[in-house]
Amino acid sequence: MRKYRAAVVVGVVATIAIAAPARAREMVSFPSPYGVGTIVISQSARKLFLVTGPQSAIAYPVAVAKQGKEWSGWAKVDGKYVDPAWSQPESVKRDHPELPDVIAGGSPHNPMGPRAITLDRDEVAIHGTTKMMRASVGTAASYGCIRMYNEDVIDLFDRVSVGAPVVMVQ
């Protein structure tokens, strides 16, 4: 197990110091104040941690929001979708007017991939990716969503419930 340390300042995780890089779905040591089932996303580490115990988590590599699109704080899982259709948010439409308004679920061009875990924040989800965008996992590349490898988002999807807490930290 790799070791991750969460520094707590007045009940809020301030940083996560990474001892070594985690591989997809790697069980890691993760001392934290968060309860089992909490999703902790580290913007700086570009990792999503699913807390599995008081000292452990499953770590997944992710793509996080690019500069200017970051968010922080708490959210909750408010939906889970298999092969979701994708409608581009206004911010994407402004930057990429050439994209279609909707890409059908199951399409190889659908940026949501095979699963989407939506959050109670405007137009933010944890989701899969396309073949072309796989290389972005581990970078800051999204418009606010958390992008995962398809095999990892399927794994996470099966482990979390609607209502699960989500926290984005630096």
C-alpha atoms as a PDB file:
ATOM      1  CA  MET A   1       0.000   0.000   0.000  1.00  0.00           C
ATOM      2  CA  ARG A   2       1.132   3.525  -0.806  1.00  0.00           C
ATOM      3  CA  LYS A   3       0.788   6.160   1.911  1.00  0.00           C
ATOM      4  CA  TYR A   4      -1.257   9.335   1.568  1.00  0.00           C
ATOM      5  CA  ARG A   5      -1.564  11.859   4.319  1.00  0.00           C
ATOM      6  CA  ALA A   6      -4.410  14.325   4.715  1.00  0.00           C
ATOM      7  CA  ALA A   7      -3.679  17.490   6.669  1.00  0.00           C
ATOM      8  CA  VAL A   8      -6.730  18.753   8.531  1.00  0.00           C
ATOM      9  CA  VAL A   9      -7.178  22.432   9.326  1.00  0.00           C
ATOM     10  CA  VAL A  10     -10.384  23.259  11.218  1.00  0.00           C
ATOM     11  CA  GLY A  11     -12.087  20.140   9.858  1.00  0.00           C
ATOM     12  CA  VAL A  12     -11.170  20.741   6.214  1.00  0.00           C
ATOM     13  CA  VAL A  13      -8.545  18.846   4.269  1.00  0.00           C
ATOM     14  CA  ALA A  14      -5.970  21.378   3.152  1.00  0.00           C
ATOM     15  CA  THR A  15      -3.464  19.219   1.272  1.00  0.00           C
ATOM     16  CA  ILE A  16      -2.716  15.663   0.321  1.00  0.00           C
ATOM     17  CA  ALA A  17       0.981  14.858   0.114  1.00  0.00           C
ATOM     18  CA  ILE A  18       1.661  12.072  -2.327  1.00  0.00           C
ATOM     19  CA  ALA A  19       4.416   9.645  -1.402  1.00  0.00           C
ATOM     20  CA  ALA A  20       4.313   7.783  -4.722  1.00  0.00           C
ATOM     21  CA  PRO A  21       2.013   7.625  -7.743  1.00  0.00           C
ATOM     22  CA  ALA A  22      -0.985   5.294  -7.521  1.00  0.00           C
ATOM     23  CA  ARG A  23      -2.096   3.013 -10.303  1.00  0.00           C
ATOM     24  CA  ALA A  24      -5.727   2.592 -11.285  1.00  0.00           C
ATOM     25  CA  ARG A  25      -7.796   1.053  -8.514  1.00  0.00           C
ATOM     26  CA  GLU A  26      -4.873   0.706  -6.184  1.00  0.00           C
ATOM     27  CA  MET A  27      -5.638   0.246  -2.482  1.00  0.00           C
ATOM     28  CA  VAL A  28      -3.660   2.879  -0.595  1.00  0.00           C
ATOM     29  CA  SER A  29      -3.050   3.958   2.970  1.00  0.00           C
ATOM     30  CA  PHE A  30      -5.172   7.089   3.362  1.00  0.00           C
ATOM     31  CA  PRO A  31      -5.509   8.429   6.903  1.00  0.00           C
ATOM     32  CA  SER A  32      -8.326  10.980   6.748  1.00  0.00           C
ATOM     33  CA  PRO A  33     -11.236  12.381   8.724  1.00  0.00           C
ATOM     34  CA  TYR A  34     -13.746  11.275   6.056  1.00  0.00           C
ATOM     35  CA  GLY A  35     -16.243   8.470   6.446  1.00  0.00           C
ATOM     36  CA  VAL A  36     -16.381   5.262   4.432  1.00  0.00           C
ATOM     37  CA  GLY A  37     -17.952   5.913   1.025  1.00  0.00           C
ATOM     38  CA  THR A  38     -16.734   9.512   0.771  1.00  0.00           C
ATOM     39  CA  ILE A  39     -15.167  10.478  -2.563  1.00  0.00           C
ATOM     40  CA  VAL A  40     -12.145  12.753  -2.063  1.00  0.00           C
ATOM     41  CA  ILE A  41     -10.776  14.386  -5.222  1.00  0.00           C
ATOM     42  CA  SER A  42      -7.339  15.983  -5.098  1.00  0.00           C
ATOM     43  CA  GLN A  43      -6.942  18.681  -7.748  1.00  0.00           C
ATOM     44  CA  SER A  44      -3.161  18.865  -7.265  1.00  0.00           C
ATOM     45  CA  ALA A  45      -2.538  15.109  -7.130  1.00  0.00           C
ATOM     46  CA  ARG A  46      -5.000  14.440  -9.963  1.00  0.00           C
ATOM     47  CA  LYS A  47      -6.402  11.513  -8.026  1.00  0.00           C
ATOM     48  CA  LEU A  48      -9.821  10.448  -6.806  1.00  0.00           C
ATOM     49  CA  PHE A  49      -9.879   8.524  -3.531  1.00  0.00           C
ATOM     50  CA  LEU A  50     -12.838   6.405  -2.466  1.00  0.00           C
ATOM     51  CA  VAL A  51     -12.549   6.069   1.310  1.00  0.00           C
ATOM     52  CA  THR A  52     -12.876   2.390   2.302  1.00  0.00           C
ATOM     53  CA  GLY A  53     -11.849   2.621   5.965  1.00  0.00           C
ATOM     54  CA  PRO A  54     -10.369   4.990   8.553  1.00  0.00           C
ATOM     55  CA  GLN A  55      -6.883   4.440   7.122  1.00  0.00           C
ATOM     56  CA  SER A  56      -7.545   3.251   3.553  1.00  0.00           C
ATOM     57  CA  ALA A  57      -8.927   4.199   0.166  1.00  0.00           C
ATOM     58  CA  ILE A  58      -9.015   3.101  -3.443  1.00  0.00           C
ATOM     59  CA  ALA A  59      -7.030   5.600  -5.535  1.00  0.00           C
ATOM     60  CA  TYR A  60      -7.890   6.290  -9.174  1.00  0.00           C
ATOM     61  CA  PRO A  61      -6.019   8.596 -11.578  1.00  0.00           C
ATOM     62  CA  VAL A  62      -8.276  11.330 -12.980  1.00  0.00           C
ATOM     63  CA  ALA A  63      -8.296  14.401 -15.190  1.00  0.00           C
ATOM     64  CA  VAL A  64      -9.405  17.446 -13.235  1.00  0.00           C
ATOM     65  CA  ALA A  65     -10.572  20.924 -14.224  1.00  0.00           C
ATOM     66  CA  LYS A  66      -8.236  23.096 -16.224  1.00  0.00           C
ATOM     67  CA  GLN A  67      -7.138  26.475 -14.923  1.00  0.00           C
ATOM     68  CA  GLY A  68     -10.073  28.804 -14.454  1.00  0.00           C
ATOM     69  CA  LYS A  69     -12.623  25.972 -14.307  1.00  0.00           C
ATOM     70  CA  GLU A  70     -11.599  24.512 -10.913  1.00  0.00           C
ATOM     71  CA  TRP A  71     -14.015  24.096  -8.041  1.00  0.00           C
ATOM     72  CA  SER A  72     -13.548  23.158  -4.409  1.00  0.00           C
ATOM     73  CA  GLY A  73     -15.590  22.145  -1.424  1.00  0.00           C
ATOM     74  CA  TRP A  74     -18.422  19.700  -0.901  1.00  0.00           C
ATOM     75  CA  ALA A  75     -20.944  18.081  -3.219  1.00  0.00           C
ATOM     76  CA  LYS A  76     -23.110  14.955  -3.209  1.00  0.00           C
ATOM     77  CA  VAL A  77     -23.729  12.272  -5.795  1.00  0.00           C
ATOM     78  CA  ASP A  78     -27.198  13.041  -7.156  1.00  0.00           C
ATOM     79  CA  GLY A  79     -27.438  10.552 -10.032  1.00  0.00           C
ATOM     80  CA  LYS A  80     -25.886   7.519 -11.704  1.00  0.00           C
ATOM     81  CA  TYR A  81     -26.288   6.870 -15.423  1.00  0.00           C
ATOM     82  CA  VAL A  82     -25.308   4.035 -17.781  1.00  0.00           C
ATOM     83  CA  ASP A  83     -24.364   5.082 -21.329  1.00  0.00           C
ATOM     84  CA  PRO A  84     -25.507   8.670 -20.783  1.00  0.00           C
ATOM     85  CA  ALA A  85     -26.123  11.033 -23.675  1.00  0.00           C
ATOM     86  CA  TRP A  86     -24.012  14.194 -23.564  1.00  0.00           C
ATOM     87  CA  SER A  87     -25.335  17.713 -24.047  1.00  0.00           C
ATOM     88  CA  GLN A  88     -22.576  20.248 -24.114  1.00  0.00           C
ATOM     89  CA  PRO A  89     -22.585  22.838 -21.347  1.00  0.00           C
ATOM     90  CA  GLU A  90     -22.689  26.514 -22.341  1.00  0.00           C
ATOM     91  CA  SER A  91     -18.983  26.951 -21.526  1.00  0.00           C
ATOM     92  CA  VAL A  92     -18.047  24.133 -23.932  1.00  0.00           C
ATOM     93  CA  LYS A  93     -20.445  25.426 -26.588  1.00  0.00           C
ATOM     94  CA  ARG A  94     -18.761  28.865 -26.461  1.00  0.00           C
ATOM     95  CA  ASP A  95     -15.307  27.327 -26.952  1.00  0.00           C
ATOM     96  CA  HIS A  96     -16.367  24.589 -29.420  1.00  0.00           C
ATOM     97  CA  PRO A  97     -19.379  25.723 -31.461  1.00  0.00           C
ATOM     98  CA  GLU A  98     -18.581  23.011 -34.021  1.00  0.00           C
ATOM     99  CA  LEU A  99     -19.658  20.234 -31.632  1.00  0.00           C
ATOM    100  CA  PRO A 100     -23.178  18.810 -31.917  1.00  0.00           C
ATOM    101  CA  ASP A 101     -25.700  19.809 -29.248  1.00  0.00           C
ATOM    102  CA  VAL A 102     -26.158  16.168 -28.178  1.00  0.00           C
ATOM    103  CA  ILE A 103     -24.020  13.042 -28.567  1.00  0.00           C
ATOM    104  CA  ALA A 104     -25.955   9.826 -28.008  1.00  0.00           C
ATOM    105  CA  GLY A 105     -25.055   7.470 -25.195  1.00  0.00           C
ATOM    106  CA  GLY A 106     -22.876   4.604 -26.377  1.00  0.00           C
ATOM    107  CA  SER A 107     -21.333   6.659 -29.185  1.00  0.00           C
ATOM    108  CA  PRO A 108     -17.535   6.355 -29.380  1.00  0.00           C
ATOM    109  CA  HIS A 109     -17.495  10.178 -29.607  1.00  0.00           C
ATOM    110  CA  ASN A 110     -19.439  10.695 -26.363  1.00  0.00           C
ATOM    111  CA  PRO A 111     -17.104  12.354 -23.822  1.00  0.00           C
ATOM    112  CA  MET A 112     -19.114  10.882 -20.900  1.00  0.00           C
ATOM    113  CA  GLY A 113     -18.010   7.337 -21.704  1.00  0.00           C
ATOM    114  CA  PRO A 114     -19.970   4.351 -20.386  1.00  0.00           C
ATOM    115  CA  ARG A 115     -20.946   5.811 -16.964  1.00  0.00           C
ATOM    116  CA  ALA A 116     -21.680   9.173 -15.398  1.00  0.00           C
ATOM    117  CA  ILE A 117     -21.947   9.946 -11.708  1.00  0.00           C
ATOM    118  CA  THR A 118     -23.572  13.369 -11.505  1.00  0.00           C
ATOM    119  CA  LEU A 119     -23.031  15.775  -8.639  1.00  0.00           C
ATOM    120  CA  ASP A 120     -25.341  18.356  -7.117  1.00  0.00           C
ATOM    121  CA  ARG A 121     -23.275  21.118  -8.717  1.00  0.00           C
ATOM    122  CA  ASP A 122     -24.180  22.798 -11.983  1.00  0.00           C
ATOM    123  CA  GLU A 123     -23.002  20.680 -14.941  1.00  0.00           C
ATOM    124  CA  VAL A 124     -20.409  18.653 -13.002  1.00  0.00           C
ATOM    125  CA  ALA A 125     -20.014  14.882 -13.169  1.00  0.00           C
ATOM    126  CA  ILE A 126     -17.502  12.114 -12.616  1.00  0.00           C
ATOM    127  CA  HIS A 127     -17.450  10.228 -15.907  1.00  0.00           C
ATOM    128  CA  GLY A 128     -15.530   8.120 -18.395  1.00  0.00           C
ATOM    129  CA  THR A 129     -13.901   9.311 -21.595  1.00  0.00           C
ATOM    130  CA  THR A 130     -13.367   8.655 -25.286  1.00  0.00           C
ATOM    131  CA  LYS A 131     -10.428   6.773 -26.756  1.00  0.00           C
ATOM    132  CA  MET A 132      -9.039  10.027 -28.078  1.00  0.00           C
ATOM    133  CA  MET A 133      -9.211  11.738 -24.659  1.00  0.00           C
ATOM    134  CA  ARG A 134      -7.781   8.855 -22.564  1.00  0.00           C
ATOM    135  CA  ALA A 135      -4.364  10.517 -22.545  1.00  0.00           C
ATOM    136  CA  SER A 136      -5.839  13.470 -20.624  1.00  0.00           C
ATOM    137  CA  VAL A 137      -6.302  11.361 -17.469  1.00  0.00           C
ATOM    138  CA  GLY A 138      -3.666  12.567 -15.016  1.00  0.00           C
ATOM    139  CA  THR A 139      -3.825  16.148 -16.309  1.00  0.00           C
ATOM    140  CA  ALA A 140      -5.846  19.312 -15.735  1.00  0.00           C
ATOM    141  CA  ALA A 141      -7.977  19.256 -18.872  1.00  0.00           C
ATOM    142  CA  SER A 142     -11.726  19.390 -18.172  1.00  0.00           C
ATOM    143  CA  TYR A 143     -14.361  22.099 -17.865  1.00  0.00           C
ATOM    144  CA  GLY A 144     -14.992  21.124 -14.232  1.00  0.00           C
ATOM    145  CA  CYS A 145     -15.891  17.454 -14.544  1.00  0.00           C
ATOM    146  CA  ILE A 146     -13.730  14.628 -13.262  1.00  0.00           C
ATOM    147  CA  ARG A 147     -12.639  12.391 -16.145  1.00  0.00           C
ATOM    148  CA  MET A 148     -11.669   8.760 -15.502  1.00  0.00           C
ATOM    149  CA  TYR A 149     -10.572   5.779 -17.529  1.00  0.00           C
ATOM    150  CA  ASN A 150     -13.708   3.911 -18.606  1.00  0.00           C
ATOM    151  CA  GLU A 151     -12.770   0.762 -16.685  1.00  0.00           C
ATOM    152  CA  ASP A 152     -12.233   2.860 -13.541  1.00  0.00           C
ATOM    153  CA  VAL A 153     -15.501   4.818 -13.756  1.00  0.00           C
ATOM    154  CA  ILE A 154     -17.368   1.503 -14.142  1.00  0.00           C
ATOM    155  CA  ASP A 155     -15.619   0.215 -11.019  1.00  0.00           C
ATOM    156  CA  LEU A 156     -16.371   3.405  -9.046  1.00  0.00           C
ATOM    157  CA  PHE A 157     -19.973   3.491 -10.317  1.00  0.00           C
ATOM    158  CA  ASP A 158     -20.578   0.035  -8.851  1.00  0.00           C
ATOM    159  CA  ARG A 159     -19.114   1.083  -5.465  1.00  0.00           C
ATOM    160  CA  VAL A 160     -20.896   4.395  -4.782  1.00  0.00           C
ATOM    161  CA  SER A 161     -24.491   5.308  -3.992  1.00  0.00           C
ATOM    162  CA  VAL A 162     -26.638   8.321  -4.727  1.00  0.00           C
ATOM    163  CA  GLY A 163     -26.194  10.666  -1.778  1.00  0.00           C
ATOM    164  CA  ALA A 164     -22.506   9.797  -1.267  1.00  0.00           C
ATOM    165  CA  PRO A 165     -20.473  12.829  -0.139  1.00  0.00           C
ATOM    166  CA  VAL A 166     -17.824  14.247  -2.480  1.00  0.00           C
ATOM    167  CA  VAL A 167     -15.125  16.721  -1.509  1.00  0.00           C
ATOM    168  CA  MET A 168     -12.706  18.502  -3.847  1.00  0.00           C
ATOM    169  CA  VAL A 169      -9.453  19.580  -2.225  1.00  0.00           C
ATOM    170  CA  GLN A 170      -6.365  21.257  -3.580  1.00  0.00           C
END
